[in-house]
PDB file of all heavy atoms in Angstrom:
ATOM      1  N   GLU A   1     -52.394 -80.367  52.819  1.00  0.00           N
ATOM      2  CA  GLU A   1     -53.283 -79.447  53.536  1.00  0.00           C
ATOM      3  C   GLU A   1     -52.848 -78.005  53.313  1.00  0.00           C
ATOM      4  O   GLU A   1     -53.648 -77.092  53.466  1.00  0.00           O
ATOM      5  CB  GLU A   1     -53.274 -79.773  55.039  1.00  0.00           C
ATOM      6  CG  GLU A   1     -53.770 -81.168  55.391  1.00  0.00           C
ATOM      7  CD  GLU A   1     -55.233 -81.363  55.011  1.00  0.00           C
ATOM      8  OE1 GLU A   1     -56.034 -80.438  55.223  1.00  0.00           O
ATOM      9  OE2 GLU A   1     -55.564 -82.442  54.493  1.00  0.00           O
ATOM     10  N   ASP A   2     -51.563 -77.788  52.937  1.00  0.00           N
ATOM     11  CA  ASP A   2     -51.046 -76.434  52.689  1.00  0.00           C
ATOM     12  C   ASP A   2     -51.335 -76.068  51.231  1.00  0.00           C
ATOM     13  O   ASP A   2     -50.512 -76.249  50.344  1.00  0.00           O
ATOM     14  CB  ASP A   2     -49.547 -76.403  52.987  1.00  0.00           C
ATOM     15  CG  ASP A   2     -48.972 -75.001  52.907  1.00  0.00           C
ATOM     16  OD1 ASP A   2     -49.706 -74.075  52.487  1.00  0.00           O
ATOM     17  OD2 ASP A   2     -47.783 -74.845  53.245  1.00  0.00           O
ATOM     18  N   ARG A   3     -52.544 -75.550  51.003  1.00  0.00           N
ATOM     19  CA  ARG A   3     -53.027 -75.263  49.651  1.00  0.00           C
ATOM     20  C   ARG A   3     -52.115 -74.279  48.906  1.00  0.00           C
ATOM     21  O   ARG A   3     -51.807 -74.480  47.733  1.00  0.00           O
ATOM     22  CB  ARG A   3     -54.448 -74.711  49.743  1.00  0.00           C
ATOM     23  CG  ARG A   3     -55.092 -74.450  48.410  1.00  0.00           C
ATOM     24  CD  ARG A   3     -56.567 -74.124  48.622  1.00  0.00           C
ATOM     25  NE  ARG A   3     -57.195 -73.589  47.458  1.00  0.00           N
ATOM     26  CZ  ARG A   3     -57.526 -74.273  46.370  1.00  0.00           C
ATOM     27  NH1 ARG A   3     -57.235 -75.543  46.310  1.00  0.00           N
ATOM     28  NH2 ARG A   3     -58.127 -73.691  45.356  1.00  0.00           N
ATOM     29  N   GLU A   4     -51.691 -73.237  49.549  1.00  0.00           N
ATOM     30  CA  GLU A   4     -50.847 -72.222  48.895  1.00  0.00           C
ATOM     31  C   GLU A   4     -49.519 -72.829  48.457  1.00  0.00           C
ATOM     32  O   GLU A   4     -49.067 -72.608  47.343  1.00  0.00           O
ATOM     33  CB  GLU A   4     -50.618 -71.057  49.862  1.00  0.00           C
ATOM     34  CG  GLU A   4     -49.873 -69.895  49.224  1.00  0.00           C
ATOM     35  CD  GLU A   4     -49.720 -68.730  50.181  1.00  0.00           C
ATOM     36  OE1 GLU A   4     -50.705 -68.378  50.864  1.00  0.00           O
ATOM     37  OE2 GLU A   4     -48.603 -68.190  50.238  1.00  0.00           O
ATOM     38  N   ARG A   5     -48.919 -73.618  49.312  1.00  0.00           N
ATOM     39  CA  ARG A   5     -47.644 -74.274  48.976  1.00  0.00           C
ATOM     40  C   ARG A   5     -47.844 -75.271  47.827  1.00  0.00           C
ATOM     41  O   ARG A   5     -47.005 -75.392  46.944  1.00  0.00           O
ATOM     42  CB  ARG A   5     -47.097 -74.966  50.225  1.00  0.00           C
ATOM     43  CG  ARG A   5     -45.873 -75.802  50.003  1.00  0.00           C
ATOM     44  CD  ARG A   5     -44.612 -75.010  50.223  1.00  0.00           C
ATOM     45  NE  ARG A   5     -43.510 -75.962  50.296  1.00  0.00           N
ATOM     46  CZ  ARG A   5     -42.471 -75.915  49.485  1.00  0.00           C
ATOM     47  NH1 ARG A   5     -42.360 -74.964  48.611  1.00  0.00           N
ATOM     48  NH2 ARG A   5     -41.532 -76.821  49.582  1.00  0.00           N
ATOM     49  N   LEU A   6     -48.962 -75.972  47.835  1.00  0.00           N
ATOM     50  CA  LEU A   6     -49.274 -76.936  46.788  1.00  0.00           C
ATOM     51  C   LEU A   6     -49.428 -76.234  45.432  1.00  0.00           C
ATOM     52  O   LEU A   6     -48.898 -76.694  44.416  1.00  0.00           O
ATOM     53  CB  LEU A   6     -50.544 -77.703  47.154  1.00  0.00           C
ATOM     54  CG  LEU A   6     -50.875 -78.946  46.348  1.00  0.00           C
ATOM     55  CD1 LEU A   6     -49.740 -79.957  46.388  1.00  0.00           C
ATOM     56  CD2 LEU A   6     -52.162 -79.575  46.844  1.00  0.00           C
ATOM     57  N   VAL A   7     -50.098 -75.105  45.412  1.00  0.00           N
ATOM     58  CA  VAL A   7     -50.268 -74.323  44.180  1.00  0.00           C
ATOM     59  C   VAL A   7     -48.908 -73.838  43.675  1.00  0.00           C
ATOM     60  O   VAL A   7     -48.622 -73.878  42.472  1.00  0.00           O
ATOM     61  CB  VAL A   7     -51.251 -73.143  44.404  1.00  0.00           C
ATOM     62  CG1 VAL A   7     -51.227 -72.174  43.235  1.00  0.00           C
ATOM     63  CG2 VAL A   7     -52.653 -73.667  44.640  1.00  0.00           C
ATOM     64  N   GLN A   8     -48.043 -73.406  44.564  1.00  0.00           N
ATOM     65  CA  GLN A   8     -46.694 -72.971  44.183  1.00  0.00           C
ATOM     66  C   GLN A   8     -45.906 -74.123  43.563  1.00  0.00           C
ATOM     67  O   GLN A   8     -45.234 -73.947  42.549  1.00  0.00           O
ATOM     68  CB  GLN A   8     -45.929 -72.424  45.399  1.00  0.00           C
ATOM     69  CG  GLN A   8     -46.407 -71.093  45.882  1.00  0.00           C
ATOM     70  CD  GLN A   8     -45.684 -70.674  47.160  1.00  0.00           C
ATOM     71  OE1 GLN A   8     -45.044 -71.495  47.839  1.00  0.00           O
ATOM     72  NE2 GLN A   8     -45.804 -69.399  47.514  1.00  0.00           N
ATOM     73  N   GLU A   9     -45.977 -75.293  44.177  1.00  0.00           N
ATOM     74  CA  GLU A   9     -45.252 -76.461  43.669  1.00  0.00           C
ATOM     75  C   GLU A   9     -45.771 -76.863  42.288  1.00  0.00           C
ATOM     76  O   GLU A   9     -44.990 -77.178  41.384  1.00  0.00           O
ATOM     77  CB  GLU A   9     -45.376 -77.647  44.636  1.00  0.00           C
ATOM     78  CG  GLU A   9     -44.555 -77.506  45.891  1.00  0.00           C
ATOM     79  CD  GLU A   9     -43.059 -77.447  45.615  1.00  0.00           C
ATOM     80  OE1 GLU A   9     -42.556 -78.233  44.781  1.00  0.00           O
ATOM     81  OE2 GLU A   9     -42.387 -76.606  46.241  1.00  0.00           O
ATOM     82  N   ILE A  10     -47.082 -76.832  42.097  1.00  0.00           N
ATOM     83  CA  ILE A  10     -47.657 -77.164  40.791  1.00  0.00           C
ATOM     84  C   ILE A  10     -47.181 -76.161  39.749  1.00  0.00           C
ATOM     85  O   ILE A  10     -46.813 -76.530  38.628  1.00  0.00           O
ATOM     86  CB  ILE A  10     -49.201 -77.222  40.878  1.00  0.00           C
ATOM     87  CG1 ILE A  10     -49.622 -78.445  41.691  1.00  0.00           C
ATOM     88  CG2 ILE A  10     -49.821 -77.246  39.481  1.00  0.00           C
ATOM     89  CD1 ILE A  10     -51.100 -78.475  42.025  1.00  0.00           C
ATOM     90  N   SER A  11     -47.153 -74.906  40.096  1.00  0.00           N
ATOM     91  CA  SER A  11     -46.680 -73.866  39.181  1.00  0.00           C
ATOM     92  C   SER A  11     -45.211 -74.077  38.814  1.00  0.00           C
ATOM     93  O   SER A  11     -44.831 -73.965  37.641  1.00  0.00           O
ATOM     94  CB  SER A  11     -46.874 -72.488  39.819  1.00  0.00           C
ATOM     95  OG  SER A  11     -46.401 -71.489  38.966  1.00  0.00           O
ATOM     96  N   LEU A  12     -44.387 -74.415  39.799  1.00  0.00           N
ATOM     97  CA  LEU A  12     -42.970 -74.695  39.532  1.00  0.00           C
ATOM     98  C   LEU A  12     -42.811 -75.902  38.606  1.00  0.00           C
ATOM     99  O   LEU A  12     -42.005 -75.888  37.679  1.00  0.00           O
ATOM    100  CB  LEU A  12     -42.214 -74.947  40.847  1.00  0.00           C
ATOM    101  CG  LEU A  12     -41.897 -73.728  41.697  1.00  0.00           C
ATOM    102  CD1 LEU A  12     -41.333 -74.162  43.051  1.00  0.00           C
ATOM    103  CD2 LEU A  12     -40.893 -72.826  40.984  1.00  0.00           C
ATOM    104  N   LEU A  13     -43.587 -76.951  38.887  1.00  0.00           N
ATOM    105  CA  LEU A  13     -43.516 -78.154  38.051  1.00  0.00           C
ATOM    106  C   LEU A  13     -43.950 -77.865  36.615  1.00  0.00           C
ATOM    107  O   LEU A  13     -43.337 -78.352  35.663  1.00  0.00           O
ATOM    108  CB  LEU A  13     -44.369 -79.269  38.645  1.00  0.00           C
ATOM    109  CG  LEU A  13     -43.818 -79.933  39.904  1.00  0.00           C
ATOM    110  CD1 LEU A  13     -44.842 -80.893  40.491  1.00  0.00           C
ATOM    111  CD2 LEU A  13     -42.522 -80.654  39.599  1.00  0.00           C
ATOM    112  N   ARG A  14     -44.995 -77.095  36.442  1.00  0.00           N
ATOM    113  CA  ARG A  14     -45.444 -76.734  35.094  1.00  0.00           C
ATOM    114  C   ARG A  14     -44.353 -75.969  34.345  1.00  0.00           C
ATOM    115  O   ARG A  14     -44.143 -76.179  33.151  1.00  0.00           O
ATOM    116  CB  ARG A  14     -46.724 -75.915  35.156  1.00  0.00           C
ATOM    117  CG  ARG A  14     -47.931 -76.759  35.457  1.00  0.00           C
ATOM    118  CD  ARG A  14     -49.202 -75.951  35.404  1.00  0.00           C
ATOM    119  NE  ARG A  14     -50.343 -76.817  35.616  1.00  0.00           N
ATOM    120  CZ  ARG A  14     -51.472 -76.425  36.182  1.00  0.00           C
ATOM    121  NH1 ARG A  14     -51.625 -75.177  36.566  1.00  0.00           N
ATOM    122  NH2 ARG A  14     -52.453 -77.285  36.343  1.00  0.00           N
ATOM    123  N   GLY A  15     -43.674 -75.063  35.036  1.00  0.00           N
ATOM    124  CA  GLY A  15     -42.574 -74.312  34.422  1.00  0.00           C
ATOM    125  C   GLY A  15     -41.442 -75.230  34.000  1.00  0.00           C
ATOM    126  O   GLY A  15     -40.888 -75.092  32.905  1.00  0.00           O
ATOM    127  N   LYS A  16     -41.095 -76.193  34.871  1.00  0.00           N
ATOM    128  CA  LYS A  16     -40.034 -77.148  34.538  1.00  0.00           C
ATOM    129  C   LYS A  16     -40.423 -78.018  33.348  1.00  0.00           C
ATOM    130  O   LYS A  16     -39.614 -78.266  32.454  1.00  0.00           O
ATOM    131  CB  LYS A  16     -39.690 -78.023  35.741  1.00  0.00           C
ATOM    132  CG  LYS A  16     -38.922 -77.293  36.813  1.00  0.00           C
ATOM    133  CD  LYS A  16     -38.590 -78.198  37.982  1.00  0.00           C
ATOM    134  CE  LYS A  16     -37.841 -77.433  39.038  1.00  0.00           C
ATOM    135  NZ  LYS A  16     -37.441 -78.278  40.157  1.00  0.00           N
ATOM    136  N   VAL A  17     -41.661 -78.475  33.320  1.00  0.00           N
ATOM    137  CA  VAL A  17     -42.129 -79.308  32.213  1.00  0.00           C
ATOM    138  C   VAL A  17     -42.097 -78.511  30.907  1.00  0.00           C
ATOM    139  O   VAL A  17     -41.664 -79.013  29.871  1.00  0.00           O
ATOM    140  CB  VAL A  17     -43.552 -79.862  32.505  1.00  0.00           C
ATOM    141  CG1 VAL A  17     -44.172 -80.456  31.248  1.00  0.00           C
ATOM    142  CG2 VAL A  17     -43.498 -80.885  33.615  1.00  0.00           C
ATOM    143  N   ALA A  18     -42.528 -77.257  30.957  1.00  0.00           N
ATOM    144  CA  ALA A  18     -42.516 -76.413  29.747  1.00  0.00           C
ATOM    145  C   ALA A  18     -41.090 -76.229  29.239  1.00  0.00           C
ATOM    146  O   ALA A  18     -40.845 -76.299  28.027  1.00  0.00           O
ATOM    147  CB  ALA A  18     -43.164 -75.065  30.040  1.00  0.00           C
ATOM    148  N   ARG A  19     -40.133 -75.996  30.140  1.00  0.00           N
ATOM    149  CA  ARG A  19     -38.728 -75.827  29.730  1.00  0.00           C
ATOM    150  C   ARG A  19     -38.168 -77.120  29.133  1.00  0.00           C
ATOM    151  O   ARG A  19     -37.445 -77.100  28.148  1.00  0.00           O
ATOM    152  CB  ARG A  19     -37.878 -75.342  30.906  1.00  0.00           C
ATOM    153  CG  ARG A  19     -38.102 -73.879  31.247  1.00  0.00           C
ATOM    154  CD  ARG A  19     -37.104 -73.350  32.268  1.00  0.00           C
ATOM    155  NE  ARG A  19     -37.153 -74.030  33.554  1.00  0.00           N
ATOM    156  CZ  ARG A  19     -38.040 -73.756  34.515  1.00  0.00           C
ATOM    157  NH1 ARG A  19     -38.947 -72.829  34.347  1.00  0.00           N
ATOM    158  NH2 ARG A  19     -38.017 -74.423  35.644  1.00  0.00           N
ATOM    159  N   LEU A  20     -38.529 -78.258  29.740  1.00  0.00           N
ATOM    160  CA  LEU A  20     -38.079 -79.545  29.212  1.00  0.00           C
ATOM    161  C   LEU A  20     -38.680 -79.820  27.828  1.00  0.00           C
ATOM    162  O   LEU A  20     -37.991 -80.302  26.931  1.00  0.00           O
ATOM    163  CB  LEU A  20     -38.427 -80.674  30.176  1.00  0.00           C
ATOM    164  CG  LEU A  20     -37.610 -80.736  31.462  1.00  0.00           C
ATOM    165  CD1 LEU A  20     -38.195 -81.775  32.415  1.00  0.00           C
ATOM    166  CD2 LEU A  20     -36.155 -81.044  31.162  1.00  0.00           C
ATOM    167  N   GLN A  21     -39.965 -79.499  27.644  1.00  0.00           N
ATOM    168  CA  GLN A  21     -40.591 -79.691  26.336  1.00  0.00           C
ATOM    169  C   GLN A  21     -39.932 -78.808  25.283  1.00  0.00           C
ATOM    170  O   GLN A  21     -39.703 -79.242  24.157  1.00  0.00           O
ATOM    171  CB  GLN A  21     -42.096 -79.388  26.413  1.00  0.00           C
ATOM    172  CG  GLN A  21     -42.887 -80.462  27.121  1.00  0.00           C
ATOM    173  CD  GLN A  21     -44.339 -80.078  27.321  1.00  0.00           C
ATOM    174  OE1 GLN A  21     -44.685 -78.910  27.455  1.00  0.00           O
ATOM    175  NE2 GLN A  21     -45.194 -81.099  27.356  1.00  0.00           N
ATOM    176  N   GLU A  22     -39.621 -77.584  25.649  1.00  0.00           N
ATOM    177  CA  GLU A  22     -38.940 -76.674  24.726  1.00  0.00           C
ATOM    178  C   GLU A  22     -37.565 -77.225  24.346  1.00  0.00           C
ATOM    179  O   GLU A  22     -37.178 -77.189  23.178  1.00  0.00           O
ATOM    180  CB  GLU A  22     -38.796 -75.291  25.383  1.00  0.00           C
ATOM    181  CG  GLU A  22     -38.200 -74.233  24.478  1.00  0.00           C
ATOM    182  CD  GLU A  22     -38.139 -72.886  25.177  1.00  0.00           C
ATOM    183  OE1 GLU A  22     -39.168 -72.448  25.725  1.00  0.00           O
ATOM    184  OE2 GLU A  22     -37.050 -72.281  25.171  1.00  0.00           O
ATOM    185  N   ARG A  23     -36.846 -77.763  25.305  1.00  0.00           N
ATOM    186  CA  ARG A  23     -35.519 -78.331  25.037  1.00  0.00           C
ATOM    187  C   ARG A  23     -35.619 -79.557  24.128  1.00  0.00           C
ATOM    188  O   ARG A  23     -34.807 -79.733  23.219  1.00  0.00           O
ATOM    189  CB  ARG A  23     -34.824 -78.696  26.352  1.00  0.00           C
ATOM    190  CG  ARG A  23     -33.421 -79.206  26.184  1.00  0.00           C
ATOM    191  CD  ARG A  23     -32.505 -78.121  25.653  1.00  0.00           C
ATOM    192  NE  ARG A  23     -31.173 -78.667  25.503  1.00  0.00           N
ATOM    193  CZ  ARG A  23     -30.364 -78.370  24.511  1.00  0.00           C
ATOM    194  NH1 ARG A  23     -30.708 -77.502  23.601  1.00  0.00           N
ATOM    195  NH2 ARG A  23     -29.187 -78.929  24.436  1.00  0.00           N
ATOM    196  N   VAL A  24     -36.614 -80.402  24.361  1.00  0.00           N
ATOM    197  CA  VAL A  24     -36.822 -81.578  23.508  1.00  0.00           C
ATOM    198  C   VAL A  24     -37.107 -81.132  22.074  1.00  0.00           C
ATOM    199  O   VAL A  24     -36.577 -81.710  21.120  1.00  0.00           O
ATOM    200  CB  VAL A  24     -37.960 -82.470  24.061  1.00  0.00           C
ATOM    201  CG1 VAL A  24     -38.408 -83.490  23.038  1.00  0.00           C
ATOM    202  CG2 VAL A  24     -37.508 -83.159  25.344  1.00  0.00           C
ATOM    203  N   GLU A  25     -37.928 -80.099  21.901  1.00  0.00           N
ATOM    204  CA  GLU A  25     -38.225 -79.586  20.560  1.00  0.00           C
ATOM    205  C   GLU A  25     -36.965 -79.044  19.887  1.00  0.00           C
ATOM    206  O   GLU A  25     -36.750 -79.249  18.700  1.00  0.00           O
ATOM    207  CB  GLU A  25     -39.303 -78.501  20.633  1.00  0.00           C
ATOM    208  CG  GLU A  25     -40.682 -79.049  20.931  1.00  0.00           C
ATOM    209  CD  GLU A  25     -41.709 -77.965  21.188  1.00  0.00           C
ATOM    210  OE1 GLU A  25     -41.449 -76.788  20.851  1.00  0.00           O
ATOM    211  OE2 GLU A  25     -42.782 -78.301  21.714  1.00  0.00           O
ATOM    212  N   GLN A  26     -36.122 -78.343  20.656  1.00  0.00           N
ATOM    213  CA  GLN A  26     -34.861 -77.827  20.110  1.00  0.00           C
ATOM    214  C   GLN A  26     -33.962 -78.974  19.660  1.00  0.00           C
ATOM    215  O   GLN A  26     -33.373 -78.922  18.577  1.00  0.00           O
ATOM    216  CB  GLN A  26     -34.126 -76.973  21.146  1.00  0.00           C
ATOM    217  CG  GLN A  26     -34.780 -75.653  21.447  1.00  0.00           C
ATOM    218  CD  GLN A  26     -34.135 -74.958  22.646  1.00  0.00           C
ATOM    219  OE1 GLN A  26     -33.380 -75.567  23.421  1.00  0.00           O
ATOM    220  NE2 GLN A  26     -34.444 -73.684  22.806  1.00  0.00           N
ATOM    221  N   LEU A  27     -33.828 -80.004  20.477  1.00  0.00           N
ATOM    222  CA  LEU A  27     -32.986 -81.149  20.137  1.00  0.00           C
ATOM    223  C   LEU A  27     -33.537 -81.898  18.929  1.00  0.00           C
ATOM    224  O   LEU A  27     -32.782 -82.345  18.058  1.00  0.00           O
ATOM    225  CB  LEU A  27     -32.849 -82.088  21.335  1.00  0.00           C
ATOM    226  CG  LEU A  27     -32.043 -81.542  22.510  1.00  0.00           C
ATOM    227  CD1 LEU A  27     -32.140 -82.472  23.709  1.00  0.00           C
ATOM    228  CD2 LEU A  27     -30.596 -81.307  22.114  1.00  0.00           C
ATOM    229  N   ASP A  28     -34.866 -82.024  18.851  1.00  0.00           N
ATOM    230  CA  ASP A  28     -35.493 -82.676  17.700  1.00  0.00           C
ATOM    231  C   ASP A  28     -35.192 -81.891  16.424  1.00  0.00           C
ATOM    232  O   ASP A  28     -34.866 -82.476  15.391  1.00  0.00           O
ATOM    233  CB  ASP A  28     -37.003 -82.792  17.920  1.00  0.00           C
ATOM    234  CG  ASP A  28     -37.686 -83.515  16.775  1.00  0.00           C
ATOM    235  OD1 ASP A  28     -37.354 -84.705  16.548  1.00  0.00           O
ATOM    236  OD2 ASP A  28     -38.527 -82.900  16.097  1.00  0.00           O
TER     237      ASP A  28
END
């Protein structure tokens, strides 16, 4: 129900996923 908090969490998760994808590409 807390839309603003939900948007923040999604943004944080997207940032984490992007960093993990970048790290996987570096390791590859």
